[in-house]
Amino acid sequence: MKKIASFTVNHDTLEKGMYISRIDGDVVTYDIRMKKPNGGDYLHMSAAHTLEHLFATYARNSQYGDKIVYVGPMGCRTGFYLLTRDTLTHAQAISLVKESMAFVRDFEGEIPGNKKEECGNYLDHDLVGAKKIGDEMYAVLENWTEKDLQYKE
């Protein structure tokens, strides 16, 4: 079988940050790398679950909500994917992710979509852990620019 694009990225040199993973027609996939691959420190599932609820809710309710295709975690637990329509510029995508991370970092209250009838695993959440991830990623992306979106060799 043909190797998929994400498996061609050198995970030995990949650092925390935000990258353009691929562009398929009018859909841009961003790799939001929150942990160093194979570094021994991975996203804890409860915190990633909460981050998903908060990140997706914020992004879909932002001024760019109609351009969001998908927000979700990577199976390797080192980050998230953000899929957008290409009408969202790369600069706007960076801004949206930074705003989303600040929202997560500062969030107080009831986690959106956290009722039994709304979520398939509503008891498995970690708001404190999600807030920590949001804080760490905001710091990583604070000065991120479009030139930083390319994977390093």
C-alpha atoms as a PDB file:
ATOM      1  CA  MET A   1       0.000   0.000   0.000  1.00  0.00           C
ATOM      2  CA  LYS A   2       1.006   3.595  -0.509  1.00  0.00           C
ATOM      3  CA  LYS A   3       2.464   5.273   2.594  1.00  0.00           C
ATOM      4  CA  ILE A   4       0.184   8.023   3.906  1.00  0.00           C
ATOM      5  CA  ALA A   5       1.554  11.563   4.086  1.00  0.00           C
ATOM      6  CA  SER A   6       1.730  11.812   7.878  1.00  0.00           C
ATOM      7  CA  PHE A   7       4.023   8.767   8.009  1.00  0.00           C
ATOM      8  CA  THR A   8       6.542  10.507   5.740  1.00  0.00           C
ATOM      9  CA  VAL A   9       7.212  13.263   8.305  1.00  0.00           C
ATOM     10  CA  ASN A  10      10.413  12.660  10.258  1.00  0.00           C
ATOM     11  CA  HIS A  11       9.096  12.243  13.797  1.00  0.00           C
ATOM     12  CA  ASP A  12      12.660  12.185  15.160  1.00  0.00           C
ATOM     13  CA  THR A  13      13.051  15.896  14.354  1.00  0.00           C
ATOM     14  CA  LEU A  14       9.437  17.015  14.870  1.00  0.00           C
ATOM     15  CA  GLU A  15       8.969  19.563  17.652  1.00  0.00           C
ATOM     16  CA  LYS A  16       5.926  21.055  19.356  1.00  0.00           C
ATOM     17  CA  GLY A  17       4.150  23.546  17.122  1.00  0.00           C
ATOM     18  CA  MET A  18       1.637  23.913  14.316  1.00  0.00           C
ATOM     19  CA  TYR A  19       2.306  22.644  10.818  1.00  0.00           C
ATOM     20  CA  ILE A  20       0.545  22.208   7.491  1.00  0.00           C
ATOM     21  CA  SER A  21       0.179  18.457   7.249  1.00  0.00           C
ATOM     22  CA  ARG A  22      -1.520  18.340   3.858  1.00  0.00           C
ATOM     23  CA  ILE A  23      -3.846  20.154   1.482  1.00  0.00           C
ATOM     24  CA  ASP A  24      -6.554  18.153  -0.272  1.00  0.00           C
ATOM     25  CA  GLY A  25      -8.615  20.256  -2.634  1.00  0.00           C
ATOM     26  CA  ASP A  26     -10.220  22.909  -0.463  1.00  0.00           C
ATOM     27  CA  VAL A  27      -9.380  21.220   2.868  1.00  0.00           C
ATOM     28  CA  VAL A  28      -6.220  22.086   4.801  1.00  0.00           C
ATOM     29  CA  THR A  29      -5.065  19.699   7.533  1.00  0.00           C
ATOM     30  CA  TYR A  30      -3.027  21.289  10.318  1.00  0.00           C
ATOM     31  CA  ASP A  31      -0.848  19.195  12.606  1.00  0.00           C
ATOM     32  CA  ILE A  32      -0.996  20.772  16.063  1.00  0.00           C
ATOM     33  CA  ARG A  33       1.860  18.974  17.774  1.00  0.00           C
ATOM     34  CA  MET A  34       1.525  19.261  21.547  1.00  0.00           C
ATOM     35  CA  LYS A  35       4.114  16.695  22.617  1.00  0.00           C
ATOM     36  CA  LYS A  36       7.504  15.686  21.224  1.00  0.00           C
ATOM     37  CA  PRO A  37       6.964  12.420  19.314  1.00  0.00           C
ATOM     38  CA  ASN A  38       8.375   9.354  21.033  1.00  0.00           C
ATOM     39  CA  GLY A  39       9.473  11.556  23.919  1.00  0.00           C
ATOM     40  CA  GLY A  40       7.829   9.496  26.647  1.00  0.00           C
ATOM     41  CA  ASP A  41       5.366  12.267  27.569  1.00  0.00           C
ATOM     42  CA  TYR A  42       1.979  11.921  25.870  1.00  0.00           C
ATOM     43  CA  LEU A  43      -1.452  13.494  26.164  1.00  0.00           C
ATOM     44  CA  HIS A  44      -3.474  11.823  28.876  1.00  0.00           C
ATOM     45  CA  MET A  45      -6.757  10.617  27.412  1.00  0.00           C
ATOM     46  CA  SER A  46      -9.025  12.363  29.936  1.00  0.00           C
ATOM     47  CA  ALA A  47      -7.281  15.707  29.381  1.00  0.00           C
ATOM     48  CA  ALA A  48      -7.251  15.225  25.581  1.00  0.00           C
ATOM     49  CA  HIS A  49     -10.970  14.409  25.695  1.00  0.00           C
ATOM     50  CA  THR A  50     -11.711  17.630  27.567  1.00  0.00           C
ATOM     51  CA  LEU A  51      -9.412  19.589  25.258  1.00  0.00           C
ATOM     52  CA  GLU A  52     -11.316  18.185  22.281  1.00  0.00           C
ATOM     53  CA  HIS A  53     -14.654  19.358  23.692  1.00  0.00           C
ATOM     54  CA  LEU A  54     -13.329  22.844  24.466  1.00  0.00           C
ATOM     55  CA  PHE A  55     -11.195  23.324  21.338  1.00  0.00           C
ATOM     56  CA  ALA A  56     -13.931  22.112  18.969  1.00  0.00           C
ATOM     57  CA  THR A  57     -16.610  24.171  20.723  1.00  0.00           C
ATOM     58  CA  TYR A  58     -14.509  27.327  20.614  1.00  0.00           C
ATOM     59  CA  ALA A  59     -13.375  26.867  17.009  1.00  0.00           C
ATOM     60  CA  ARG A  60     -16.880  26.098  15.725  1.00  0.00           C
ATOM     61  CA  ASN A  61     -18.334  29.091  17.571  1.00  0.00           C
ATOM     62  CA  SER A  62     -15.611  31.496  16.422  1.00  0.00           C
ATOM     63  CA  GLN A  63     -15.905  33.887  13.504  1.00  0.00           C
ATOM     64  CA  TYR A  64     -14.345  31.067  11.435  1.00  0.00           C
ATOM     65  CA  GLY A  65     -16.818  28.399  12.548  1.00  0.00           C
ATOM     66  CA  ASP A  66     -18.207  27.790   9.073  1.00  0.00           C
ATOM     67  CA  LYS A  67     -14.680  27.011   7.844  1.00  0.00           C
ATOM     68  CA  ILE A  68     -13.967  24.301  10.441  1.00  0.00           C
ATOM     69  CA  VAL A  69     -14.244  20.740   9.108  1.00  0.00           C
ATOM     70  CA  TYR A  70     -12.842  18.781  12.055  1.00  0.00           C
ATOM     71  CA  VAL A  71     -10.978  19.127  15.358  1.00  0.00           C
ATOM     72  CA  GLY A  72      -9.695  15.977  17.002  1.00  0.00           C
ATOM     73  CA  PRO A  73      -6.832  14.131  18.684  1.00  0.00           C
ATOM     74  CA  MET A  74      -4.130  12.034  17.039  1.00  0.00           C
ATOM     75  CA  GLY A  75      -4.107   8.367  17.917  1.00  0.00           C
ATOM     76  CA  CYS A  76      -0.454   8.603  19.015  1.00  0.00           C
ATOM     77  CA  ARG A  77      -1.508  11.122  21.699  1.00  0.00           C
ATOM     78  CA  THR A  78       1.056  13.742  20.675  1.00  0.00           C
ATOM     79  CA  GLY A  79      -1.346  16.299  19.262  1.00  0.00           C
ATOM     80  CA  PHE A  80      -4.491  17.246  17.425  1.00  0.00           C
ATOM     81  CA  TYR A  81      -5.569  17.701  13.837  1.00  0.00           C
ATOM     82  CA  LEU A  82      -7.467  20.771  12.709  1.00  0.00           C
ATOM     83  CA  LEU A  83      -9.085  20.540   9.276  1.00  0.00           C
ATOM     84  CA  THR A  84     -10.310  23.759   7.701  1.00  0.00           C
ATOM     85  CA  ARG A  85     -11.644  25.023   4.404  1.00  0.00           C
ATOM     86  CA  ASP A  86      -8.955  26.834   2.430  1.00  0.00           C
ATOM     87  CA  THR A  87     -10.923  30.073   2.655  1.00  0.00           C
ATOM     88  CA  LEU A  88      -9.379  30.327   6.128  1.00  0.00           C
ATOM     89  CA  THR A  89      -5.890  31.760   5.641  1.00  0.00           C
ATOM     90  CA  HIS A  90      -2.897  30.217   7.370  1.00  0.00           C
ATOM     91  CA  ALA A  91      -2.522  33.369   9.481  1.00  0.00           C
ATOM     92  CA  GLN A  92      -6.175  33.101  10.537  1.00  0.00           C
ATOM     93  CA  ALA A  93      -5.685  29.406  11.390  1.00  0.00           C
ATOM     94  CA  ILE A  94      -2.721  30.234  13.624  1.00  0.00           C
ATOM     95  CA  SER A  95      -4.723  32.971  15.312  1.00  0.00           C
ATOM     96  CA  LEU A  96      -7.686  30.635  15.801  1.00  0.00           C
ATOM     97  CA  VAL A  97      -5.538  27.939  17.408  1.00  0.00           C
ATOM     98  CA  LYS A  98      -3.875  30.466  19.728  1.00  0.00           C
ATOM     99  CA  GLU A  99      -7.277  31.882  20.699  1.00  0.00           C
ATOM    100  CA  SER A 100      -8.589  28.346  21.236  1.00  0.00           C
ATOM    101  CA  MET A 101      -5.650  27.463  23.494  1.00  0.00           C
ATOM    102  CA  ALA A 102      -6.181  30.658  25.515  1.00  0.00           C
ATOM    103  CA  PHE A 103      -9.874  29.760  25.814  1.00  0.00           C
ATOM    104  CA  VAL A 104      -8.980  26.284  27.100  1.00  0.00           C
ATOM    105  CA  ARG A 105      -6.311  27.665  29.459  1.00  0.00           C
ATOM    106  CA  ASP A 106      -8.746  30.158  30.983  1.00  0.00           C
ATOM    107  CA  PHE A 107     -11.906  28.035  30.913  1.00  0.00           C
ATOM    108  CA  GLU A 108     -14.052  27.788  34.018  1.00  0.00           C
ATOM    109  CA  GLY A 109     -17.428  26.126  34.314  1.00  0.00           C
ATOM    110  CA  GLU A 110     -19.221  23.142  32.869  1.00  0.00           C
ATOM    111  CA  ILE A 111     -17.452  21.390  30.002  1.00  0.00           C
ATOM    112  CA  PRO A 112     -19.553  21.756  26.818  1.00  0.00           C
ATOM    113  CA  GLY A 113     -21.160  18.536  25.612  1.00  0.00           C
ATOM    114  CA  ASN A 114     -20.482  16.759  28.896  1.00  0.00           C
ATOM    115  CA  LYS A 115     -23.881  15.282  29.598  1.00  0.00           C
ATOM    116  CA  LYS A 116     -24.595  11.575  29.226  1.00  0.00           C
ATOM    117  CA  GLU A 117     -26.892  12.176  26.268  1.00  0.00           C
ATOM    118  CA  GLU A 118     -24.253  14.359  24.537  1.00  0.00           C
ATOM    119  CA  CYS A 119     -21.030  12.351  24.921  1.00  0.00           C
ATOM    120  CA  GLY A 120     -20.107   8.699  24.587  1.00  0.00           C
ATOM    121  CA  ASN A 121     -17.724   8.822  27.566  1.00  0.00           C
ATOM    122  CA  TYR A 122     -19.017  11.761  29.597  1.00  0.00           C
ATOM    123  CA  LEU A 123     -17.388  10.651  32.879  1.00  0.00           C
ATOM    124  CA  ASP A 124     -13.845  10.658  31.452  1.00  0.00           C
ATOM    125  CA  HIS A 125     -12.732  14.309  31.577  1.00  0.00           C
ATOM    126  CA  ASP A 126      -9.839  16.233  33.105  1.00  0.00           C
ATOM    127  CA  LEU A 127     -10.314  20.009  32.983  1.00  0.00           C
ATOM    128  CA  VAL A 128      -7.147  20.741  34.968  1.00  0.00           C
ATOM    129  CA  GLY A 129      -5.108  18.646  32.534  1.00  0.00           C
ATOM    130  CA  ALA A 130      -6.744  20.263  29.500  1.00  0.00           C
ATOM    131  CA  LYS A 131      -6.032  23.730  30.887  1.00  0.00           C
ATOM    132  CA  LYS A 132      -2.362  22.782  31.312  1.00  0.00           C
ATOM    133  CA  ILE A 133      -2.149  21.648  27.678  1.00  0.00           C
ATOM    134  CA  GLY A 134      -3.838  24.877  26.562  1.00  0.00           C
ATOM    135  CA  ASP A 135      -1.370  26.954  28.572  1.00  0.00           C
ATOM    136  CA  GLU A 136       1.655  25.057  27.230  1.00  0.00           C
ATOM    137  CA  MET A 137       0.478  25.263  23.610  1.00  0.00           C
ATOM    138  CA  TYR A 138      -0.386  28.945  23.848  1.00  0.00           C
ATOM    139  CA  ALA A 139       3.221  29.582  24.918  1.00  0.00           C
ATOM    140  CA  VAL A 140       4.573  27.469  22.032  1.00  0.00           C
ATOM    141  CA  LEU A 141       2.415  29.299  19.467  1.00  0.00           C
ATOM    142  CA  GLU A 142       2.616  32.791  20.941  1.00  0.00           C
ATOM    143  CA  ASN A 143       5.031  34.056  18.254  1.00  0.00           C
ATOM    144  CA  TRP A 144       4.231  31.435  15.573  1.00  0.00           C
ATOM    145  CA  THR A 145       4.027  32.758  12.024  1.00  0.00           C
ATOM    146  CA  GLU A 146       3.128  31.386   8.616  1.00  0.00           C
ATOM    147  CA  LYS A 147       6.805  30.618   7.911  1.00  0.00           C
ATOM    148  CA  ASP A 148       6.804  28.299  10.941  1.00  0.00           C
ATOM    149  CA  LEU A 149       4.015  26.139   9.443  1.00  0.00           C
ATOM    150  CA  GLN A 150       6.425  24.088   7.311  1.00  0.00           C
ATOM    151  CA  TYR A 151       7.885  20.895   8.718  1.00  0.00           C
ATOM    152  CA  LYS A 152      11.614  21.171   9.392  1.00  0.00           C
ATOM    153  CA  GLU A 153      13.919  18.686   7.670  1.00  0.00           C
END
